Amino acid sequence: MQINWSTEANEDLNEITDFIADDSPVAAVNLSEHLFETAEKIGQMPYMGRKGRVAGTREFVAHPNYILVYQVKLDEIRILRVLHGSRKYP
């Protein structure tokens, strides 16, 4: 399935990687690559994530600290947010 990232998810990812890059640019790149790879895996197995806290969404713990919030649509996976696990959501 095709993976599409929402504007909010892209902004989340940019904020996260910018913050991490201040201390370790390599770690920021590694995390970004890991999150993109995880999104691709979700595209292959869309229901591997748990039911989301918001109706119509699913959540996958992509990294011990980060959760991908997404929607499964007929022809795409839409990544809605990239959230730190400690963040209050929704």
PDB file of N, CA and C in Angstrom:
ATOM      1  N   MET A   1       0.831  -1.187   0.000  1.00  0.00           N
ATOM      2  CA  MET A   1       0.000   0.000   0.000  1.00  0.00           C
ATOM      3  C   MET A   1       0.876   1.252   0.000  1.00  0.00           C
ATOM      4  N   GLN A   2       0.389   2.275  -0.618  1.00  0.00           N
ATOM      5  CA  GLN A   2       1.126   3.535  -0.658  1.00  0.00           C
ATOM      6  C   GLN A   2       1.105   4.189   0.720  1.00  0.00           C
ATOM      7  N   ILE A   3       2.222   4.804   1.101  1.00  0.00           N
ATOM      8  CA  ILE A   3       2.339   5.518   2.372  1.00  0.00           C
ATOM      9  C   ILE A   3       2.349   7.009   2.077  1.00  0.00           C
ATOM     10  N   ASN A   4       1.463   7.755   2.724  1.00  0.00           N
ATOM     11  CA  ASN A   4       1.435   9.214   2.606  1.00  0.00           C
ATOM     12  C   ASN A   4       1.533   9.815   3.999  1.00  0.00           C
ATOM     13  N   TRP A   5       2.353  10.831   4.127  1.00  0.00           N
ATOM     14  CA  TRP A   5       2.573  11.505   5.404  1.00  0.00           C
ATOM     15  C   TRP A   5       1.809  12.824   5.401  1.00  0.00           C
ATOM     16  N   SER A   6       1.029  13.064   6.444  1.00  0.00           N
ATOM     17  CA  SER A   6       0.309  14.333   6.564  1.00  0.00           C
ATOM     18  C   SER A   6       1.297  15.459   6.850  1.00  0.00           C
ATOM     19  N   THR A   7       0.847  16.673   6.649  1.00  0.00           N
ATOM     20  CA  THR A   7       1.667  17.840   6.979  1.00  0.00           C
ATOM     21  C   THR A   7       2.071  17.803   8.445  1.00  0.00           C
ATOM     22  N   GLU A   8       1.128  17.455   9.323  1.00  0.00           N
ATOM     23  CA  GLU A   8       1.413  17.400  10.762  1.00  0.00           C
ATOM     24  C   GLU A   8       2.472  16.349  11.073  1.00  0.00           C
ATOM     25  N   ALA A   9       2.384  15.182  10.433  1.00  0.00           N
ATOM     26  CA  ALA A   9       3.370  14.127  10.668  1.00  0.00           C
ATOM     27  C   ALA A   9       4.753  14.571  10.200  1.00  0.00           C
ATOM     28  N   ASN A  10       4.813  15.239   9.050  1.00  0.00           N
ATOM     29  CA  ASN A  10       6.099  15.756   8.568  1.00  0.00           C
ATOM     30  C   ASN A  10       6.665  16.800   9.521  1.00  0.00           C
ATOM     31  N   GLU A  11       5.805  17.670  10.036  1.00  0.00           N
ATOM     32  CA  GLU A  11       6.257  18.680  10.998  1.00  0.00           C
ATOM     33  C   GLU A  11       6.748  18.014  12.277  1.00  0.00           C
ATOM     34  N   ASP A  12       6.004  17.008  12.763  1.00  0.00           N
ATOM     35  CA  ASP A  12       6.437  16.269  13.955  1.00  0.00           C
ATOM     36  C   ASP A  12       7.824  15.677  13.736  1.00  0.00           C
ATOM     37  N   LEU A  13       7.995  15.001  12.603  1.00  0.00           N
ATOM     38  CA  LEU A  13       9.268  14.348  12.310  1.00  0.00           C
ATOM     39  C   LEU A  13      10.403  15.361  12.223  1.00  0.00           C
ATOM     40  N   ASN A  14      10.157  16.493  11.591  1.00  0.00           N
ATOM     41  CA  ASN A  14      11.188  17.536  11.494  1.00  0.00           C
ATOM     42  C   ASN A  14      11.560  18.083  12.862  1.00  0.00           C
ATOM     43  N   GLU A  15      10.574  18.329  13.711  1.00  0.00           N
ATOM     44  CA  GLU A  15      10.854  18.836  15.059  1.00  0.00           C
ATOM     45  C   GLU A  15      11.662  17.826  15.864  1.00  0.00           C
ATOM     46  N   ILE A  16      11.274  16.564  15.782  1.00  0.00           N
ATOM     47  CA  ILE A  16      11.967  15.512  16.529  1.00  0.00           C
ATOM     48  C   ILE A  16      13.409  15.387  16.061  1.00  0.00           C
ATOM     49  N   THR A  17      13.609  15.299  14.757  1.00  0.00           N
ATOM     50  CA  THR A  17      14.970  15.111  14.252  1.00  0.00           C
ATOM     51  C   THR A  17      15.832  16.356  14.462  1.00  0.00           C
ATOM     52  N   ASP A  18      15.258  17.540  14.370  1.00  0.00           N
ATOM     53  CA  ASP A  18      16.024  18.760  14.656  1.00  0.00           C
ATOM     54  C   ASP A  18      16.486  18.777  16.107  1.00  0.00           C
ATOM     55  N   PHE A  19      15.601  18.392  17.017  1.00  0.00           N
ATOM     56  CA  PHE A  19      15.941  18.365  18.439  1.00  0.00           C
ATOM     57  C   PHE A  19      17.071  17.367  18.697  1.00  0.00           C
ATOM     58  N   ILE A  20      16.949  16.175  18.141  1.00  0.00           N
ATOM     59  CA  ILE A  20      17.970  15.140  18.350  1.00  0.00           C
ATOM     60  C   ILE A  20      19.278  15.528  17.675  1.00  0.00           C
ATOM     61  N   ALA A  21      19.194  16.152  16.506  1.00  0.00           N
ATOM     62  CA  ALA A  21      20.393  16.529  15.754  1.00  0.00           C
ATOM     63  C   ALA A  21      21.255  17.537  16.495  1.00  0.00           C
ATOM     64  N   ASP A  22      20.659  18.311  17.394  1.00  0.00           N
ATOM     65  CA  ASP A  22      21.454  19.249  18.190  1.00  0.00           C
ATOM     66  C   ASP A  22      22.527  18.516  18.984  1.00  0.00           C
ATOM     67  N   ASP A  23      22.221  17.298  19.437  1.00  0.00           N
ATOM     68  CA  ASP A  23      23.187  16.501  20.201  1.00  0.00           C
ATOM     69  C   ASP A  23      23.903  15.473  19.334  1.00  0.00           C
ATOM     70  N   SER A  24      23.178  14.889  18.388  1.00  0.00           N
ATOM     71  CA  SER A  24      23.754  13.813  17.584  1.00  0.00           C
ATOM     72  C   SER A  24      23.099  13.751  16.206  1.00  0.00           C
ATOM     73  N   PRO A  25      23.722  14.372  15.227  1.00  0.00           N
ATOM     74  CA  PRO A  25      23.167  14.326  13.870  1.00  0.00           C
ATOM     75  C   PRO A  25      23.007  12.898  13.340  1.00  0.00           C
ATOM     76  N   VAL A  26      23.932  12.028  13.679  1.00  0.00           N
ATOM     77  CA  VAL A  26      23.856  10.639  13.215  1.00  0.00           C
ATOM     78  C   VAL A  26      22.633   9.948  13.802  1.00  0.00           C
ATOM     79  N   ALA A  27      22.378  10.160  15.088  1.00  0.00           N
ATOM     80  CA  ALA A  27      21.204   9.556  15.732  1.00  0.00           C
ATOM     81  C   ALA A  27      19.915  10.079  15.103  1.00  0.00           C
ATOM     82  N   ALA A  28      19.895  11.347  14.746  1.00  0.00           N
ATOM     83  CA  ALA A  28      18.702  11.926  14.114  1.00  0.00           C
ATOM     84  C   ALA A  28      18.431  11.270  12.764  1.00  0.00           C
ATOM     85  N   VAL A  29      19.469  11.080  11.978  1.00  0.00           N
ATOM     86  CA  VAL A  29      19.314  10.426  10.672  1.00  0.00           C
ATOM     87  C   VAL A  29      18.861   8.980  10.861  1.00  0.00           C
ATOM     88  N   ASN A  30      19.483   8.280  11.816  1.00  0.00           N
ATOM     89  CA  ASN A  30      19.115   6.884  12.070  1.00  0.00           C
ATOM     90  C   ASN A  30      17.658   6.760  12.489  1.00  0.00           C
ATOM     91  N   LEU A  31      17.199   7.650  13.366  1.00  0.00           N
ATOM     92  CA  LEU A  31      15.809   7.603  13.812  1.00  0.00           C
ATOM     93  C   LEU A  31      14.867   7.881  12.646  1.00  0.00           C
ATOM     94  N   SER A  32      15.177   8.885  11.861  1.00  0.00           N
ATOM     95  CA  SER A  32      14.339   9.225  10.714  1.00  0.00           C
ATOM     96  C   SER A  32      14.227   8.035   9.760  1.00  0.00           C
ATOM     97  N   GLU A  33      15.353   7.411   9.449  1.00  0.00           N
ATOM     98  CA  GLU A  33      15.339   6.243   8.565  1.00  0.00           C
ATOM     99  C   GLU A  33      14.510   5.114   9.170  1.00  0.00           C
ATOM    100  N   HIS A  34      14.667   4.893  10.476  1.00  0.00           N
ATOM    101  CA  HIS A  34      13.916   3.837  11.158  1.00  0.00           C
ATOM    102  C   HIS A  34      12.408   4.099  11.073  1.00  0.00           C
ATOM    103  N   LEU A  35      11.993   5.335  11.275  1.00  0.00           N
ATOM    104  CA  LEU A  35      10.568   5.658  11.220  1.00  0.00           C
ATOM    105  C   LEU A  35      10.009   5.478   9.810  1.00  0.00           C
ATOM    106  N   PHE A  36      10.775   5.859   8.790  1.00  0.00           N
ATOM    107  CA  PHE A  36      10.326   5.649   7.411  1.00  0.00           C
ATOM    108  C   PHE A  36      10.240   4.157   7.083  1.00  0.00           C
ATOM    109  N   GLU A  37      11.219   3.376   7.555  1.00  0.00           N
ATOM    110  CA  GLU A  37      11.188   1.927   7.332  1.00  0.00           C
ATOM    111  C   GLU A  37       9.987   1.297   8.033  1.00  0.00           C
ATOM    112  N   THR A  38       9.696   1.767   9.238  1.00  0.00           N
ATOM    113  CA  THR A  38       8.546   1.247   9.977  1.00  0.00           C
ATOM    114  C   THR A  38       7.254   1.568   9.244  1.00  0.00           C
ATOM    115  N   ALA A  39       7.150   2.768   8.702  1.00  0.00           N
ATOM    116  CA  ALA A  39       5.958   3.137   7.934  1.00  0.00           C
ATOM    117  C   ALA A  39       5.790   2.207   6.732  1.00  0.00           C
ATOM    118  N   GLU A  40       6.890   1.842   6.089  1.00  0.00           N
ATOM    119  CA  GLU A  40       6.818   0.912   4.956  1.00  0.00           C
ATOM    120  C   GLU A  40       6.314  -0.457   5.410  1.00  0.00           C
ATOM    121  N   LYS A  41       6.746  -0.906   6.585  1.00  0.00           N
ATOM    122  CA  LYS A  41       6.264  -2.185   7.126  1.00  0.00           C
ATOM    123  C   LYS A  41       4.767  -2.117   7.408  1.00  0.00           C
ATOM    124  N   ILE A  42       4.323  -0.976   7.922  1.00  0.00           N
ATOM    125  CA  ILE A  42       2.886  -0.793   8.164  1.00  0.00           C
ATOM    126  C   ILE A  42       2.134  -0.901   6.836  1.00  0.00           C
ATOM    127  N   GLY A  43       2.722  -0.379   5.771  1.00  0.00           N
ATOM    128  CA  GLY A  43       2.107  -0.481   4.455  1.00  0.00           C
ATOM    129  C   GLY A  43       1.919  -1.921   3.999  1.00  0.00           C
ATOM    130  N   GLN A  44       2.803  -2.806   4.461  1.00  0.00           N
ATOM    131  CA  GLN A  44       2.699  -4.222   4.111  1.00  0.00           C
ATOM    132  C   GLN A  44       1.730  -4.963   5.024  1.00  0.00           C
ATOM    133  N   MET A  45       1.623  -4.509   6.278  1.00  0.00           N
ATOM    134  CA  MET A  45       0.730  -5.143   7.256  1.00  0.00           C
ATOM    135  C   MET A  45      -0.024  -4.052   8.015  1.00  0.00           C
ATOM    136  N   PRO A  46      -1.038  -3.450   7.401  1.00  0.00           N
ATOM    137  CA  PRO A  46      -1.694  -2.263   7.944  1.00  0.00           C
ATOM    138  C   PRO A  46      -2.306  -2.410   9.335  1.00  0.00           C
ATOM    139  N   TYR A  47      -2.682  -3.619   9.701  1.00  0.00           N
ATOM    140  CA  TYR A  47      -3.365  -3.784  10.985  1.00  0.00           C
ATOM    141  C   TYR A  47      -2.430  -4.270  12.090  1.00  0.00           C
ATOM    142  N   MET A  48      -1.128  -4.122  11.896  1.00  0.00           N
ATOM    143  CA  MET A  48      -0.183  -4.546  12.918  1.00  0.00           C
ATOM    144  C   MET A  48      -0.186  -3.608  14.125  1.00  0.00           C
ATOM    145  N   GLY A  49      -0.643  -2.397  13.952  1.00  0.00           N
ATOM    146  CA  GLY A  49      -0.736  -1.457  15.071  1.00  0.00           C
ATOM    147  C   GLY A  49      -2.029  -1.648  15.840  1.00  0.00           C
ATOM    148  N   ARG A  50      -2.004  -1.189  17.088  1.00  0.00           N
ATOM    149  CA  ARG A  50      -3.212  -1.286  17.927  1.00  0.00           C
ATOM    150  C   ARG A  50      -4.247  -0.266  17.466  1.00  0.00           C
ATOM    151  N   LYS A  51      -5.495  -0.484  17.882  1.00  0.00           N
ATOM    152  CA  LYS A  51      -6.528   0.517  17.614  1.00  0.00           C
ATOM    153  C   LYS A  51      -6.127   1.803  18.312  1.00  0.00           C
ATOM    154  N   GLY A  52      -6.321   2.913  17.608  1.00  0.00           N
ATOM    155  CA  GLY A  52      -5.906   4.201  18.138  1.00  0.00           C
ATOM    156  C   GLY A  52      -6.852   4.754  19.185  1.00  0.00           C
ATOM    157  N   ARG A  53      -6.350   5.724  19.920  1.00  0.00           N
ATOM    158  CA  ARG A  53      -7.166   6.406  20.928  1.00  0.00           C
ATOM    159  C   ARG A  53      -8.185   7.330  20.286  1.00  0.00           C
ATOM    160  N   VAL A  54      -7.942   7.696  19.041  1.00  0.00           N
ATOM    161  CA  VAL A  54      -8.894   8.496  18.265  1.00  0.00           C
ATOM    162  C   VAL A  54      -9.574   7.541  17.286  1.00  0.00           C
ATOM    163  N   ALA A  55     -10.900   7.614  17.232  1.00  0.00           N
ATOM    164  CA  ALA A  55     -11.663   6.715  16.362  1.00  0.00           C
ATOM    165  C   ALA A  55     -11.150   6.766  14.925  1.00  0.00           C
ATOM    166  N   GLY A  56     -11.049   5.611  14.305  1.00  0.00           N
ATOM    167  CA  GLY A  56     -10.631   5.534  12.913  1.00  0.00           C
ATOM    168  C   GLY A  56      -9.135   5.554  12.705  1.00  0.00           C
ATOM    169  N   THR A  57      -8.364   5.515  13.798  1.00  0.00           N
ATOM    170  CA  THR A  57      -6.910   5.523  13.671  1.00  0.00           C
ATOM    171  C   THR A  57      -6.327   4.251  14.265  1.00  0.00           C
ATOM    172  N   ARG A  58      -5.062   4.040  13.953  1.00  0.00           N
ATOM    173  CA  ARG A  58      -4.284   2.965  14.549  1.00  0.00           C
ATOM    174  C   ARG A  58      -2.978   3.585  15.025  1.00  0.00           C
ATOM    175  N   GLU A  59      -2.325   2.913  15.969  1.00  0.00           N
ATOM    176  CA  GLU A  59      -1.066   3.408  16.526  1.00  0.00           C
ATOM    177  C   GLU A  59      -0.057   2.271  16.551  1.00  0.00           C
ATOM    178  N   PHE A  60       1.176   2.607  16.200  1.00  0.00           N
ATOM    179  CA  PHE A  60       2.239   1.613  16.245  1.00  0.00           C
ATOM    180  C   PHE A  60       3.439   2.217  16.957  1.00  0.00           C
ATOM    181  N   VAL A  61       3.939   1.502  17.952  1.00  0.00           N
ATOM    182  CA  VAL A  61       5.136   1.947  18.664  1.00  0.00           C
ATOM    183  C   VAL A  61       6.316   1.617  17.753  1.00  0.00           C
ATOM    184  N   ALA A  62       6.806   2.636  17.080  1.00  0.00           N
ATOM    185  CA  ALA A  62       7.843   2.463  16.069  1.00  0.00           C
ATOM    186  C   ALA A  62       9.243   2.453  16.666  1.00  0.00           C
ATOM    187  N   HIS A  63       9.347   2.944  17.880  1.00  0.00           N
ATOM    188  CA  HIS A  63      10.622   3.094  18.584  1.00  0.00           C
ATOM    189  C   HIS A  63      10.226   3.200  20.046  1.00  0.00           C
ATOM    190  N   PRO A  64      11.089   2.824  20.976  1.00  0.00           N
ATOM    191  CA  PRO A  64      10.670   2.910  22.386  1.00  0.00           C
ATOM    192  C   PRO A  64      10.089   4.267  22.796  1.00  0.00           C
ATOM    193  N   ASN A  65      10.479   5.331  22.114  1.00  0.00           N
ATOM    194  CA  ASN A  65       9.994   6.660  22.487  1.00  0.00           C
ATOM    195  C   ASN A  65       8.981   7.265  21.519  1.00  0.00           C
ATOM    196  N   TYR A  66       8.744   6.643  20.374  1.00  0.00           N
ATOM    197  CA  TYR A  66       7.918   7.288  19.352  1.00  0.00           C
ATOM    198  C   TYR A  66       6.814   6.379  18.814  1.00  0.00           C
ATOM    199  N   ILE A  67       5.657   6.991  18.596  1.00  0.00           N
ATOM    200  CA  ILE A  67       4.467   6.295  18.120  1.00  0.00           C
ATOM    201  C   ILE A  67       4.052   6.906  16.782  1.00  0.00           C
ATOM    202  N   LEU A  68       3.780   6.047  15.813  1.00  0.00           N
ATOM    203  CA  LEU A  68       3.196   6.500  14.553  1.00  0.00           C
ATOM    204  C   LEU A  68       1.686   6.336  14.657  1.00  0.00           C
ATOM    205  N   VAL A  69       0.953   7.417  14.444  1.00  0.00           N
ATOM    206  CA  VAL A  69      -0.507   7.389  14.419  1.00  0.00           C
ATOM    207  C   VAL A  69      -0.899   7.432  12.947  1.00  0.00           C
ATOM    208  N   TYR A  70      -1.744   6.479  12.544  1.00  0.00           N
ATOM    209  CA  TYR A  70      -2.066   6.390  11.120  1.00  0.00           C
ATOM    210  C   TYR A  70      -3.496   5.939  10.879  1.00  0.00           C
ATOM    211  N   GLN A  71      -3.933   6.134   9.636  1.00  0.00           N
ATOM    212  CA  GLN A  71      -5.239   5.668   9.169  1.00  0.00           C
ATOM    213  C   GLN A  71      -5.017   4.688   8.028  1.00  0.00           C
ATOM    214  N   VAL A  72      -5.837   3.647   8.018  1.00  0.00           N
ATOM    215  CA  VAL A  72      -5.831   2.695   6.914  1.00  0.00           C
ATOM    216  C   VAL A  72      -6.978   3.082   5.988  1.00  0.00           C
ATOM    217  N   LYS A  73      -6.626   3.419   4.757  1.00  0.00           N
ATOM    218  CA  LYS A  73      -7.643   3.762   3.758  1.00  0.00           C
ATOM    219  C   LYS A  73      -7.645   2.679   2.688  1.00  0.00           C
ATOM    220  N   LEU A  74      -8.550   2.774   1.739  1.00  0.00           N
ATOM    221  CA  LEU A  74      -8.653   1.737   0.702  1.00  0.00           C
ATOM    222  C   LEU A  74      -7.351   1.515  -0.056  1.00  0.00           C
ATOM    223  N   ASP A  75      -6.687   2.595  -0.430  1.00  0.00           N
ATOM    224  CA  ASP A  75      -5.506   2.467  -1.273  1.00  0.00           C
ATOM    225  C   ASP A  75      -4.257   3.121  -0.691  1.00  0.00           C
ATOM    226  N   GLU A  76      -4.310   3.496   0.577  1.00  0.00           N
ATOM    227  CA  GLU A  76      -3.145   4.142   1.175  1.00  0.00           C
ATOM    228  C   GLU A  76      -3.142   3.995   2.692  1.00  0.00           C
ATOM    229  N   ILE A  77      -1.957   4.175   3.242  1.00  0.00           N
ATOM    230  CA  ILE A  77      -1.772   4.354   4.676  1.00  0.00           C
ATOM    231  C   ILE A  77      -1.419   5.819   4.845  1.00  0.00           C
ATOM    232  N   ARG A  78      -2.143   6.500   5.694  1.00  0.00           N
ATOM    233  CA  ARG A  78      -1.893   7.926   5.933  1.00  0.00           C
ATOM    234  C   ARG A  78      -1.294   8.067   7.318  1.00  0.00           C
ATOM    235  N   ILE A  79      -0.028   8.462   7.383  1.00  0.00           N
ATOM    236  CA  ILE A  79       0.625   8.716   8.662  1.00  0.00           C
ATOM    237  C   ILE A  79       0.156  10.095   9.110  1.00  0.00           C
ATOM    238  N   LEU A  80      -0.539  10.126  10.248  1.00  0.00           N
ATOM    239  CA  LEU A  80      -1.142  11.372  10.726  1.00  0.00           C
ATOM    240  C   LEU A  80      -0.226  12.147  11.655  1.00  0.00           C
ATOM    241  N   ARG A  81       0.459  11.429  12.545  1.00  0.00           N
ATOM    242  CA  ARG A  81       1.308  12.094  13.546  1.00  0.00           C
ATOM    243  C   ARG A  81       2.485  11.187  13.892  1.00  0.00           C
ATOM    244  N   VAL A  82       3.558  11.792  14.368  1.00  0.00           N
ATOM    245  CA  VAL A  82       4.675  11.086  14.982  1.00  0.00           C
ATOM    246  C   VAL A  82       4.786  11.694  16.370  1.00  0.00           C
ATOM    247  N   LEU A  83       4.478  10.902  17.388  1.00  0.00           N
ATOM    248  CA  LEU A  83       4.384  11.430  18.745  1.00  0.00           C
ATOM    249  C   LEU A  83       5.396  10.791  19.674  1.00  0.00           C
ATOM    250  N   HIS A  84       5.928  11.601  20.583  1.00  0.00           N
ATOM    251  CA  HIS A  84       6.752  11.051  21.653  1.00  0.00           C
ATOM    252  C   HIS A  84       5.821  10.322  22.603  1.00  0.00           C
ATOM    253  N   GLY A  85       6.237   9.180  23.092  1.00  0.00           N
ATOM    254  CA  GLY A  85       5.401   8.353  23.949  1.00  0.00           C
ATOM    255  C   GLY A  85       4.929   9.027  25.216  1.00  0.00           C
ATOM    256  N   SER A  86       5.658  10.025  25.689  1.00  0.00           N
ATOM    257  CA  SER A  86       5.270  10.702  26.932  1.00  0.00           C
ATOM    258  C   SER A  86       4.259  11.827  26.702  1.00  0.00           C
ATOM    259  N   ARG A  87       3.979  12.142  25.449  1.00  0.00           N
ATOM    260  CA  ARG A  87       3.035  13.222  25.132  1.00  0.00           C
ATOM    261  C   ARG A  87       1.606  12.818  25.401  1.00  0.00           C
ATOM    262  N   LYS A  88       0.843  13.733  25.923  1.00  0.00           N
ATOM    263  CA  LYS A  88      -0.586  13.490  26.097  1.00  0.00           C
ATOM    264  C   LYS A  88      -1.244  13.580  24.731  1.00  0.00           C
ATOM    265  N   TYR A  89      -1.949  12.530  24.401  1.00  0.00           N
ATOM    266  CA  TYR A  89      -2.612  12.471  23.098  1.00  0.00           C
ATOM    267  C   TYR A  89      -3.888  11.688  23.278  1.00  0.00           C
ATOM    268  N   PRO A  90      -4.973  12.071  22.746  1.00  0.00           N
ATOM    269  CA  PRO A  90      -5.244  13.235  21.947  1.00  0.00           C
ATOM    270  C   PRO A  90      -5.370  14.482  22.782  1.00  0.00           C
TER     271      PRO A  90
END
